[in-house]
Amino acid sequence: GDVSTVGFYMLGIRGTHIAPRDRYRLIYTLYFYDFPS
């Protein structure tokens, strides 16, 4: 998460889940932000 003096804010999650014995992987990213760009 992040906030700044120009009105920017962001919140998110990302990661990789590895199943036992690495049978499969779940890779995910989720975020949103508001940015004076």
PDB file of all heavy atoms in Angstrom:
ATOM      1  N   GLY A   1       0.835  -1.197   0.000  1.00  0.00           N
ATOM      2  CA  GLY A   1       0.000   0.000   0.000  1.00  0.00           C
ATOM      3  C   GLY A   1       0.865   1.240   0.000  1.00  0.00           C
ATOM      4  O   GLY A   1       2.023   1.210   0.439  1.00  0.00           O
ATOM      5  N   ASP A   2       0.328   2.325  -0.495  1.00  0.00           N
ATOM      6  CA  ASP A   2       1.117   3.554  -0.617  1.00  0.00           C
ATOM      7  C   ASP A   2       0.182   4.755  -0.674  1.00  0.00           C
ATOM      8  O   ASP A   2      -0.892   4.689  -1.269  1.00  0.00           O
ATOM      9  CB  ASP A   2       1.957   3.507  -1.895  1.00  0.00           C
ATOM     10  CG  ASP A   2       3.232   4.320  -1.781  1.00  0.00           C
ATOM     11  OD1 ASP A   2       3.235   5.305  -1.018  1.00  0.00           O
ATOM     12  OD2 ASP A   2       4.223   3.983  -2.451  1.00  0.00           O
ATOM     13  N   VAL A   3       0.600   5.844  -0.052  1.00  0.00           N
ATOM     14  CA  VAL A   3      -0.079   7.132  -0.165  1.00  0.00           C
ATOM     15  C   VAL A   3       1.000   8.197  -0.306  1.00  0.00           C
ATOM     16  O   VAL A   3       2.130   8.017   0.147  1.00  0.00           O
ATOM     17  CB  VAL A   3      -0.970   7.445   1.061  1.00  0.00           C
ATOM     18  CG1 VAL A   3      -2.133   6.481   1.142  1.00  0.00           C
ATOM     19  CG2 VAL A   3      -0.156   7.418   2.342  1.00  0.00           C
ATOM     20  N   SER A   4       0.660   9.311  -0.948  1.00  0.00           N
ATOM     21  CA  SER A   4       1.657  10.370  -1.124  1.00  0.00           C
ATOM     22  C   SER A   4       1.001  11.737  -1.031  1.00  0.00           C
ATOM     23  O   SER A   4      -0.227  11.874  -1.020  1.00  0.00           O
ATOM     24  CB  SER A   4       2.375  10.222  -2.467  1.00  0.00           C
ATOM     25  OG  SER A   4       1.582  10.705  -3.527  1.00  0.00           O
ATOM     26  N   THR A   5       1.835  12.747  -1.011  1.00  0.00           N
ATOM     27  CA  THR A   5       1.372  14.119  -0.816  1.00  0.00           C
ATOM     28  C   THR A   5       0.687  14.700  -2.042  1.00  0.00           C
ATOM     29  O   THR A   5       0.069  15.760  -1.946  1.00  0.00           O
ATOM     30  CB  THR A   5       2.557  15.014  -0.427  1.00  0.00           C
ATOM     31  OG1 THR A   5       3.598  14.894  -1.415  1.00  0.00           O
ATOM     32  CG2 THR A   5       3.110  14.616   0.933  1.00  0.00           C
ATOM     33  N   VAL A   6       0.794  14.044  -3.212  1.00  0.00           N
ATOM     34  CA  VAL A   6       0.144  14.566  -4.416  1.00  0.00           C
ATOM     35  C   VAL A   6      -1.233  13.936  -4.649  1.00  0.00           C
ATOM     36  O   VAL A   6      -1.850  14.150  -5.692  1.00  0.00           O
ATOM     37  CB  VAL A   6       1.032  14.356  -5.659  1.00  0.00           C
ATOM     38  CG1 VAL A   6       2.321  15.134  -5.533  1.00  0.00           C
ATOM     39  CG2 VAL A   6       1.304  12.867  -5.899  1.00  0.00           C
ATOM     40  N   GLY A   7      -1.706  13.146  -3.678  1.00  0.00           N
ATOM     41  CA  GLY A   7      -3.014  12.526  -3.821  1.00  0.00           C
ATOM     42  C   GLY A   7      -2.986  11.125  -4.376  1.00  0.00           C
ATOM     43  O   GLY A   7      -4.038  10.530  -4.647  1.00  0.00           O
ATOM     44  N   PHE A   8      -1.803  10.559  -4.552  1.00  0.00           N
ATOM     45  CA  PHE A   8      -1.663   9.196  -5.046  1.00  0.00           C
ATOM     46  C   PHE A   8      -1.943   8.195  -3.929  1.00  0.00           C
ATOM     47  O   PHE A   8      -1.517   8.377  -2.792  1.00  0.00           O
ATOM     48  CB  PHE A   8      -0.237   8.992  -5.574  1.00  0.00           C
ATOM     49  CG  PHE A   8       0.161   7.557  -5.769  1.00  0.00           C
ATOM     50  CD1 PHE A   8      -0.301   6.824  -6.854  1.00  0.00           C
ATOM     51  CD2 PHE A   8       1.005   6.933  -4.860  1.00  0.00           C
ATOM     52  CE1 PHE A   8       0.082   5.500  -7.034  1.00  0.00           C
ATOM     53  CE2 PHE A   8       1.389   5.614  -5.028  1.00  0.00           C
ATOM     54  CZ  PHE A   8       0.923   4.900  -6.121  1.00  0.00           C
ATOM     55  N   TYR A   9      -2.683   7.150  -4.250  1.00  0.00           N
ATOM     56  CA  TYR A   9      -2.828   6.038  -3.321  1.00  0.00           C
ATOM     57  C   TYR A   9      -2.919   4.738  -4.111  1.00  0.00           C
ATOM     58  O   TYR A   9      -3.368   4.712  -5.262  1.00  0.00           O
ATOM     59  CB  TYR A   9      -4.044   6.206  -2.404  1.00  0.00           C
ATOM     60  CG  TYR A   9      -5.390   6.162  -3.095  1.00  0.00           C
ATOM     61  CD1 TYR A   9      -6.045   4.959  -3.352  1.00  0.00           C
ATOM     62  CD2 TYR A   9      -6.027   7.347  -3.479  1.00  0.00           C
ATOM     63  CE1 TYR A   9      -7.280   4.924  -3.971  1.00  0.00           C
ATOM     64  CE2 TYR A   9      -7.262   7.325  -4.101  1.00  0.00           C
ATOM     65  CZ  TYR A   9      -7.890   6.103  -4.342  1.00  0.00           C
ATOM     66  OH  TYR A   9      -9.104   6.077  -4.958  1.00  0.00           O
ATOM     67  N   MET A  10      -2.458   3.655  -3.489  1.00  0.00           N
ATOM     68  CA  MET A  10      -2.426   2.354  -4.149  1.00  0.00           C
ATOM     69  C   MET A  10      -2.573   1.258  -3.101  1.00  0.00           C
ATOM     70  O   MET A  10      -2.080   1.368  -1.980  1.00  0.00           O
ATOM     71  CB  MET A  10      -1.113   2.161  -4.905  1.00  0.00           C
ATOM     72  CG  MET A  10      -0.948   0.784  -5.538  1.00  0.00           C
ATOM     73  SD  MET A  10       0.591   0.631  -6.495  1.00  0.00           S
ATOM     74  CE  MET A  10       1.806   0.847  -5.191  1.00  0.00           C
ATOM     75  N   LEU A  11      -3.248   0.187  -3.480  1.00  0.00           N
ATOM     76  CA  LEU A  11      -3.394  -0.969  -2.622  1.00  0.00           C
ATOM     77  C   LEU A  11      -3.416  -2.214  -3.503  1.00  0.00           C
ATOM     78  O   LEU A  11      -4.088  -2.227  -4.540  1.00  0.00           O
ATOM     79  CB  LEU A  11      -4.687  -0.887  -1.805  1.00  0.00           C
ATOM     80  CG  LEU A  11      -4.912  -1.966  -0.741  1.00  0.00           C
ATOM     81  CD1 LEU A  11      -3.847  -1.864   0.354  1.00  0.00           C
ATOM     82  CD2 LEU A  11      -6.305  -1.831  -0.142  1.00  0.00           C
ATOM     83  N   GLY A  12      -2.672  -3.253  -3.102  1.00  0.00           N
ATOM     84  CA  GLY A  12      -2.644  -4.435  -3.937  1.00  0.00           C
ATOM     85  C   GLY A  12      -2.069  -5.653  -3.248  1.00  0.00           C
ATOM     86  O   GLY A  12      -1.578  -5.595  -2.121  1.00  0.00           O
ATOM     87  N   ILE A  13      -2.142  -6.771  -3.964  1.00  0.00           N
ATOM     88  CA  ILE A  13      -1.602  -8.037  -3.503  1.00  0.00           C
ATOM     89  C   ILE A  13      -1.061  -8.790  -4.713  1.00  0.00           C
ATOM     90  O   ILE A  13      -1.624  -8.720  -5.807  1.00  0.00           O
ATOM     91  CB  ILE A  13      -2.685  -8.878  -2.776  1.00  0.00           C
ATOM     92  CG1 ILE A  13      -2.107 -10.203  -2.283  1.00  0.00           C
ATOM     93  CG2 ILE A  13      -3.890  -9.118  -3.682  1.00  0.00           C
ATOM     94  CD1 ILE A  13      -3.086 -11.003  -1.426  1.00  0.00           C
ATOM     95  N   ARG A  14       0.054  -9.469  -4.520  1.00  0.00           N
ATOM     96  CA  ARG A  14       0.599 -10.323  -5.570  1.00  0.00           C
ATOM     97  C   ARG A  14       1.334 -11.481  -4.921  1.00  0.00           C
ATOM     98  O   ARG A  14       1.796 -11.377  -3.785  1.00  0.00           O
ATOM     99  CB  ARG A  14       1.549  -9.545  -6.485  1.00  0.00           C
ATOM    100  CG  ARG A  14       2.772  -8.967  -5.797  1.00  0.00           C
ATOM    101  CD  ARG A  14       3.729  -8.349  -6.800  1.00  0.00           C
ATOM    102  NE  ARG A  14       4.865  -7.716  -6.129  1.00  0.00           N
ATOM    103  CZ  ARG A  14       4.939  -6.430  -5.829  1.00  0.00           C
ATOM    104  NH1 ARG A  14       3.931  -5.634  -6.150  1.00  0.00           N
ATOM    105  NH2 ARG A  14       5.992  -5.939  -5.204  1.00  0.00           N
ATOM    106  N   GLY A  15       1.435 -12.584  -5.645  1.00  0.00           N
ATOM    107  CA  GLY A  15       2.129 -13.722  -5.063  1.00  0.00           C
ATOM    108  C   GLY A  15       2.113 -14.925  -5.975  1.00  0.00           C
ATOM    109  O   GLY A  15       1.540 -14.916  -7.070  1.00  0.00           O
ATOM    110  N   THR A  16       2.751 -15.986  -5.497  1.00  0.00           N
ATOM    111  CA  THR A  16       2.795 -17.271  -6.190  1.00  0.00           C
ATOM    112  C   THR A  16       2.566 -18.384  -5.171  1.00  0.00           C
ATOM    113  O   THR A  16       3.321 -18.495  -4.196  1.00  0.00           O
ATOM    114  CB  THR A  16       4.144 -17.486  -6.889  1.00  0.00           C
ATOM    115  OG1 THR A  16       4.354 -16.456  -7.852  1.00  0.00           O
ATOM    116  CG2 THR A  16       4.179 -18.839  -7.588  1.00  0.00           C
ATOM    117  N   HIS A  17       1.530 -19.162  -5.387  1.00  0.00           N
ATOM    118  CA  HIS A  17       1.256 -20.310  -4.524  1.00  0.00           C
ATOM    119  C   HIS A  17       1.774 -21.568  -5.206  1.00  0.00           C
ATOM    120  O   HIS A  17       1.410 -21.864  -6.354  1.00  0.00           O
ATOM    121  CB  HIS A  17      -0.248 -20.444  -4.261  1.00  0.00           C
ATOM    122  CG  HIS A  17      -0.613 -21.701  -3.528  1.00  0.00           C
ATOM    123  ND1 HIS A  17      -0.433 -21.842  -2.169  1.00  0.00           N
ATOM    124  CD2 HIS A  17      -1.124 -22.887  -3.977  1.00  0.00           C
ATOM    125  CE1 HIS A  17      -0.840 -23.047  -1.793  1.00  0.00           C
ATOM    126  NE2 HIS A  17      -1.259 -23.697  -2.874  1.00  0.00           N
ATOM    127  N   ILE A  18       2.635 -22.303  -4.517  1.00  0.00           N
ATOM    128  CA  ILE A  18       3.217 -23.529  -5.056  1.00  0.00           C
ATOM    129  C   ILE A  18       2.603 -24.719  -4.333  1.00  0.00           C
ATOM    130  O   ILE A  18       2.682 -24.817  -3.104  1.00  0.00           O
ATOM    131  CB  ILE A  18       4.746 -23.536  -4.899  1.00  0.00           C
ATOM    132  CG1 ILE A  18       5.344 -22.347  -5.662  1.00  0.00           C
ATOM    133  CG2 ILE A  18       5.347 -24.842  -5.390  1.00  0.00           C
ATOM    134  CD1 ILE A  18       6.844 -22.231  -5.531  1.00  0.00           C
ATOM    135  N   ALA A  19       1.994 -25.613  -5.081  1.00  0.00           N
ATOM    136  CA  ALA A  19       1.345 -26.784  -4.498  1.00  0.00           C
ATOM    137  C   ALA A  19       2.399 -27.769  -3.986  1.00  0.00           C
ATOM    138  O   ALA A  19       3.569 -27.701  -4.360  1.00  0.00           O
ATOM    139  CB  ALA A  19       0.459 -27.457  -5.543  1.00  0.00           C
ATOM    140  N   PRO A  20       2.001 -28.699  -3.103  1.00  0.00           N
ATOM    141  CA  PRO A  20       2.950 -29.713  -2.632  1.00  0.00           C
ATOM    142  C   PRO A  20       3.613 -30.453  -3.796  1.00  0.00           C
ATOM    143  O   PRO A  20       2.961 -30.785  -4.785  1.00  0.00           O
ATOM    144  CB  PRO A  20       2.064 -30.657  -1.798  1.00  0.00           C
ATOM    145  CG  PRO A  20       0.945 -29.792  -1.312  1.00  0.00           C
ATOM    146  CD  PRO A  20       0.687 -28.828  -2.444  1.00  0.00           C
ATOM    147  N   ARG A  21       4.921 -30.645  -3.669  1.00  0.00           N
ATOM    148  CA  ARG A  21       5.762 -31.274  -4.701  1.00  0.00           C
ATOM    149  C   ARG A  21       5.704 -30.503  -6.019  1.00  0.00           C
ATOM    150  O   ARG A  21       5.972 -31.055  -7.078  1.00  0.00           O
ATOM    151  CB  ARG A  21       5.369 -32.750  -4.898  1.00  0.00           C
ATOM    152  CG  ARG A  21       5.584 -33.599  -3.649  1.00  0.00           C
ATOM    153  CD  ARG A  21       5.315 -35.062  -3.925  1.00  0.00           C
ATOM    154  NE  ARG A  21       3.927 -35.302  -4.326  1.00  0.00           N
ATOM    155  CZ  ARG A  21       2.911 -35.400  -3.483  1.00  0.00           C
ATOM    156  NH1 ARG A  21       3.114 -35.288  -2.180  1.00  0.00           N
ATOM    157  NH2 ARG A  21       1.690 -35.621  -3.930  1.00  0.00           N
ATOM    158  N   ASP A  22       5.319 -29.229  -5.933  1.00  0.00           N
ATOM    159  CA  ASP A  22       5.314 -28.334  -7.101  1.00  0.00           C
ATOM    160  C   ASP A  22       4.472 -28.900  -8.250  1.00  0.00           C
ATOM    161  O   ASP A  22       4.827 -28.765  -9.428  1.00  0.00           O
ATOM    162  CB  ASP A  22       6.753 -28.083  -7.561  1.00  0.00           C
ATOM    163  CG  ASP A  22       6.887 -26.789  -8.348  1.00  0.00           C
ATOM    164  OD1 ASP A  22       5.892 -26.046  -8.438  1.00  0.00           O
ATOM    165  OD2 ASP A  22       7.981 -26.525  -8.882  1.00  0.00           O
ATOM    166  N   ARG A  23       3.336 -29.504  -7.918  1.00  0.00           N
ATOM    167  CA  ARG A  23       2.467 -30.070  -8.955  1.00  0.00           C
ATOM    168  C   ARG A  23       1.862 -28.981  -9.830  1.00  0.00           C
ATOM    169  O   ARG A  23       1.632 -29.180 -11.026  1.00  0.00           O
ATOM    170  CB  ARG A  23       1.350 -30.897  -8.317  1.00  0.00           C
ATOM    171  CG  ARG A  23       1.813 -32.120  -7.558  1.00  0.00           C
ATOM    172  CD  ARG A  23       0.645 -33.050  -7.256  1.00  0.00           C
ATOM    173  NE  ARG A  23      -0.459 -32.328  -6.630  1.00  0.00           N
ATOM    174  CZ  ARG A  23      -0.607 -32.155  -5.327  1.00  0.00           C
ATOM    175  NH1 ARG A  23       0.306 -32.619  -4.506  1.00  0.00           N
ATOM    176  NH2 ARG A  23      -1.658 -31.507  -4.833  1.00  0.00           N
ATOM    177  N   TYR A  24       1.554 -27.835  -9.249  1.00  0.00           N
ATOM    178  CA  TYR A  24       1.038 -26.706 -10.009  1.00  0.00           C
ATOM    179  C   TYR A  24       1.406 -25.420  -9.293  1.00  0.00           C
ATOM    180  O   TYR A  24       1.815 -25.421  -8.122  1.00  0.00           O
ATOM    181  CB  TYR A  24      -0.483 -26.799 -10.202  1.00  0.00           C
ATOM    182  CG  TYR A  24      -1.274 -26.709  -8.922  1.00  0.00           C
ATOM    183  CD1 TYR A  24      -1.614 -25.467  -8.366  1.00  0.00           C
ATOM    184  CD2 TYR A  24      -1.690 -27.858  -8.255  1.00  0.00           C
ATOM    185  CE1 TYR A  24      -2.337 -25.377  -7.191  1.00  0.00           C
ATOM    186  CE2 TYR A  24      -2.418 -27.774  -7.085  1.00  0.00           C
ATOM    187  CZ  TYR A  24      -2.741 -26.535  -6.556  1.00  0.00           C
ATOM    188  OH  TYR A  24      -3.452 -26.448  -5.392  1.00  0.00           O
ATOM    189  N   ARG A  25       1.253 -24.295  -9.987  1.00  0.00           N
ATOM    190  CA  ARG A  25       1.524 -22.974  -9.435  1.00  0.00           C
ATOM    191  C   ARG A  25       0.364 -22.039  -9.757  1.00  0.00           C
ATOM    192  O   ARG A  25      -0.120 -22.021 -10.894  1.00  0.00           O
ATOM    193  CB  ARG A  25       2.817 -22.391 -10.002  1.00  0.00           C
ATOM    194  CG  ARG A  25       4.070 -23.165  -9.627  1.00  0.00           C
ATOM    195  CD  ARG A  25       5.326 -22.536 -10.201  1.00  0.00           C
ATOM    196  NE  ARG A  25       6.526 -23.212  -9.719  1.00  0.00           N
ATOM    197  CZ  ARG A  25       7.767 -22.801  -9.977  1.00  0.00           C
ATOM    198  NH1 ARG A  25       7.960 -21.703 -10.711  1.00  0.00           N
ATOM    199  NH2 ARG A  25       8.794 -23.474  -9.492  1.00  0.00           N
ATOM    200  N   LEU A  26      -0.044 -21.265  -8.765  1.00  0.00           N
ATOM    201  CA  LEU A  26      -1.062 -20.234  -8.948  1.00  0.00           C
ATOM    202  C   LEU A  26      -0.384 -18.881  -8.787  1.00  0.00           C
ATOM    203  O   LEU A  26       0.080 -18.537  -7.704  1.00  0.00           O
ATOM    204  CB  LEU A  26      -2.187 -20.403  -7.937  1.00  0.00           C
ATOM    205  CG  LEU A  26      -3.311 -19.361  -7.991  1.00  0.00           C
ATOM    206  CD1 LEU A  26      -4.058 -19.442  -9.321  1.00  0.00           C
ATOM    207  CD2 LEU A  26      -4.264 -19.533  -6.823  1.00  0.00           C
ATOM    208  N   ILE A  27      -0.321 -18.120  -9.864  1.00  0.00           N
ATOM    209  CA  ILE A  27       0.336 -16.817  -9.877  1.00  0.00           C
ATOM    210  C   ILE A  27      -0.741 -15.746 -10.003  1.00  0.00           C
ATOM    211  O   ILE A  27      -1.591 -15.811 -10.902  1.00  0.00           O
ATOM    212  CB  ILE A  27       1.335 -16.716 -11.042  1.00  0.00           C
ATOM    213  CG1 ILE A  27       2.332 -17.885 -10.987  1.00  0.00           C
ATOM    214  CG2 ILE A  27       2.072 -15.383 -11.025  1.00  0.00           C
ATOM    215  CD1 ILE A  27       3.183 -18.018 -12.225  1.00  0.00           C
ATOM    216  N   TYR A  28      -0.734 -14.760  -9.117  1.00  0.00           N
ATOM    217  CA  TYR A  28      -1.830 -13.797  -9.097  1.00  0.00           C
ATOM    218  C   TYR A  28      -1.323 -12.392  -8.778  1.00  0.00           C
ATOM    219  O   TYR A  28      -0.329 -12.192  -8.082  1.00  0.00           O
ATOM    220  CB  TYR A  28      -2.884 -14.222  -8.064  1.00  0.00           C
ATOM    221  CG  TYR A  28      -2.314 -14.481  -6.677  1.00  0.00           C
ATOM    222  CD1 TYR A  28      -2.236 -13.471  -5.727  1.00  0.00           C
ATOM    223  CD2 TYR A  28      -1.849 -15.746  -6.330  1.00  0.00           C
ATOM    224  CE1 TYR A  28      -1.709 -13.704  -4.466  1.00  0.00           C
ATOM    225  CE2 TYR A  28      -1.321 -15.998  -5.069  1.00  0.00           C
ATOM    226  CZ  TYR A  28      -1.252 -14.976  -4.147  1.00  0.00           C
ATOM    227  OH  TYR A  28      -0.721 -15.212  -2.899  1.00  0.00           O
ATOM    228  N   THR A  29      -2.041 -11.421  -9.332  1.00  0.00           N
ATOM    229  CA  THR A  29      -1.802 -10.002  -9.076  1.00  0.00           C
ATOM    230  C   THR A  29      -3.144  -9.285  -9.054  1.00  0.00           C
ATOM    231  O   THR A  29      -3.997  -9.505  -9.922  1.00  0.00           O
ATOM    232  CB  THR A  29      -0.917  -9.366 -10.170  1.00  0.00           C
ATOM    233  OG1 THR A  29       0.342 -10.029 -10.206  1.00  0.00           O
ATOM    234  CG2 THR A  29      -0.701  -7.884  -9.901  1.00  0.00           C
ATOM    235  N   LEU A  30      -3.343  -8.455  -8.061  1.00  0.00           N
ATOM    236  CA  LEU A  30      -4.562  -7.648  -7.966  1.00  0.00           C
ATOM    237  C   LEU A  30      -4.194  -6.320  -7.318  1.00  0.00           C
ATOM    238  O   LEU A  30      -3.592  -6.299  -6.246  1.00  0.00           O
ATOM    239  CB  LEU A  30      -5.627  -8.362  -7.127  1.00  0.00           C
ATOM    240  CG  LEU A  30      -6.893  -7.554  -6.791  1.00  0.00           C
ATOM    241  CD1 LEU A  30      -7.675  -7.241  -8.058  1.00  0.00           C
ATOM    242  CD2 LEU A  30      -7.766  -8.322  -5.802  1.00  0.00           C
ATOM    243  N   TYR A  31      -4.518  -5.215  -7.979  1.00  0.00           N
ATOM    244  CA  TYR A  31      -4.223  -3.908  -7.392  1.00  0.00           C
ATOM    245  C   TYR A  31      -5.130  -2.840  -7.997  1.00  0.00           C
ATOM    246  O   TYR A  31      -5.738  -3.033  -9.056  1.00  0.00           O
ATOM    247  CB  TYR A  31      -2.760  -3.522  -7.609  1.00  0.00           C
ATOM    248  CG  TYR A  31      -2.390  -3.212  -9.040  1.00  0.00           C
ATOM    249  CD1 TYR A  31      -2.587  -1.945  -9.593  1.00  0.00           C
ATOM    250  CD2 TYR A  31      -1.833  -4.192  -9.856  1.00  0.00           C
ATOM    251  CE1 TYR A  31      -2.264  -1.659 -10.903  1.00  0.00           C
ATOM    252  CE2 TYR A  31      -1.493  -3.917 -11.167  1.00  0.00           C
ATOM    253  CZ  TYR A  31      -1.705  -2.646 -11.684  1.00  0.00           C
ATOM    254  OH  TYR A  31      -1.380  -2.378 -12.992  1.00  0.00           O
ATOM    255  N   PHE A  32      -5.220  -1.704  -7.314  1.00  0.00           N
ATOM    256  CA  PHE A  32      -5.871  -0.522  -7.869  1.00  0.00           C
ATOM    257  C   PHE A  32      -5.143   0.706  -7.342  1.00  0.00           C
ATOM    258  O   PHE A  32      -4.517   0.668  -6.280  1.00  0.00           O
ATOM    259  CB  PHE A  32      -7.360  -0.468  -7.505  1.00  0.00           C
ATOM    260  CG  PHE A  32      -7.640  -0.295  -6.038  1.00  0.00           C
ATOM    261  CD1 PHE A  32      -7.729   0.965  -5.464  1.00  0.00           C
ATOM    262  CD2 PHE A  32      -7.808  -1.410  -5.227  1.00  0.00           C
ATOM    263  CE1 PHE A  32      -7.987   1.121  -4.116  1.00  0.00           C
ATOM    264  CE2 PHE A  32      -8.069  -1.261  -3.868  1.00  0.00           C
ATOM    265  CZ  PHE A  32      -8.155   0.008  -3.311  1.00  0.00           C
ATOM    266  N   TYR A  33      -5.196   1.776  -8.108  1.00  0.00           N
ATOM    267  CA  TYR A  33      -4.554   3.019  -7.679  1.00  0.00           C
ATOM    268  C   TYR A  33      -5.250   4.219  -8.295  1.00  0.00           C
ATOM    269  O   TYR A  33      -5.930   4.114  -9.323  1.00  0.00           O
ATOM    270  CB  TYR A  33      -3.066   3.028  -8.020  1.00  0.00           C
ATOM    271  CG  TYR A  33      -2.730   3.044  -9.500  1.00  0.00           C
ATOM    272  CD1 TYR A  33      -2.819   4.204 -10.260  1.00  0.00           C
ATOM    273  CD2 TYR A  33      -2.283   1.889 -10.135  1.00  0.00           C
ATOM    274  CE1 TYR A  33      -2.491   4.225 -11.603  1.00  0.00           C
ATOM    275  CE2 TYR A  33      -1.946   1.894 -11.476  1.00  0.00           C
ATOM    276  CZ  TYR A  33      -2.053   3.063 -12.202  1.00  0.00           C
ATOM    277  OH  TYR A  33      -1.728   3.074 -13.542  1.00  0.00           O
ATOM    278  N   ASP A  34      -5.081   5.356  -7.646  1.00  0.00           N
ATOM    279  CA  ASP A  34      -5.547   6.648  -8.147  1.00  0.00           C
ATOM    280  C   ASP A  34      -4.331   7.556  -8.184  1.00  0.00           C
ATOM    281  O   ASP A  34      -3.655   7.733  -7.166  1.00  0.00           O
ATOM    282  CB  ASP A  34      -6.626   7.219  -7.236  1.00  0.00           C
ATOM    283  CG  ASP A  34      -7.344   8.396  -7.880  1.00  0.00           C
ATOM    284  OD1 ASP A  34      -7.048   8.712  -9.050  1.00  0.00           O
ATOM    285  OD2 ASP A  34      -8.198   9.010  -7.212  1.00  0.00           O
ATOM    286  N   PHE A  35      -4.042   8.122  -9.359  1.00  0.00           N
ATOM    287  CA  PHE A  35      -2.752   8.763  -9.545  1.00  0.00           C
ATOM    288  C   PHE A  35      -2.890  10.053 -10.359  1.00  0.00           C
ATOM    289  O   PHE A  35      -3.343  10.011 -11.499  1.00  0.00           O
ATOM    290  CB  PHE A  35      -1.820   7.790 -10.257  1.00  0.00           C
ATOM    291  CG  PHE A  35      -0.409   8.264 -10.415  1.00  0.00           C
ATOM    292  CD1 PHE A  35       0.148   9.180  -9.537  1.00  0.00           C
ATOM    293  CD2 PHE A  35       0.369   7.784 -11.444  1.00  0.00           C
ATOM    294  CE1 PHE A  35       1.448   9.613  -9.678  1.00  0.00           C
ATOM    295  CE2 PHE A  35       1.680   8.200 -11.596  1.00  0.00           C
ATOM    296  CZ  PHE A  35       2.222   9.123 -10.712  1.00  0.00           C
ATOM    297  N   PRO A  36      -2.506  11.211  -9.799  1.00  0.00           N
ATOM    298  CA  PRO A  36      -2.394  12.428 -10.610  1.00  0.00           C
ATOM    299  C   PRO A  36      -1.186  12.282 -11.528  1.00  0.00           C
ATOM    300  O   PRO A  36      -0.050  12.555 -11.144  1.00  0.00           O
ATOM    301  CB  PRO A  36      -2.185  13.536  -9.572  1.00  0.00           C
ATOM    302  CG  PRO A  36      -2.546  12.932  -8.257  1.00  0.00           C
ATOM    303  CD  PRO A  36      -2.239  11.474  -8.377  1.00  0.00           C
ATOM    304  N   SER A  37      -1.426  11.816 -12.734  1.00  0.00           N
ATOM    305  CA  SER A  37      -0.357  11.362 -13.615  1.00  0.00           C
ATOM    306  C   SER A  37       0.013  12.421 -14.652  1.00  0.00           C
ATOM    307  O   SER A  37      -0.620  13.471 -14.771  1.00  0.00           O
ATOM    308  CB  SER A  37      -0.818  10.079 -14.324  1.00  0.00           C
ATOM    309  OG  SER A  37       0.204   9.558 -15.139  1.00  0.00           O
TER     310      SER A  37
END
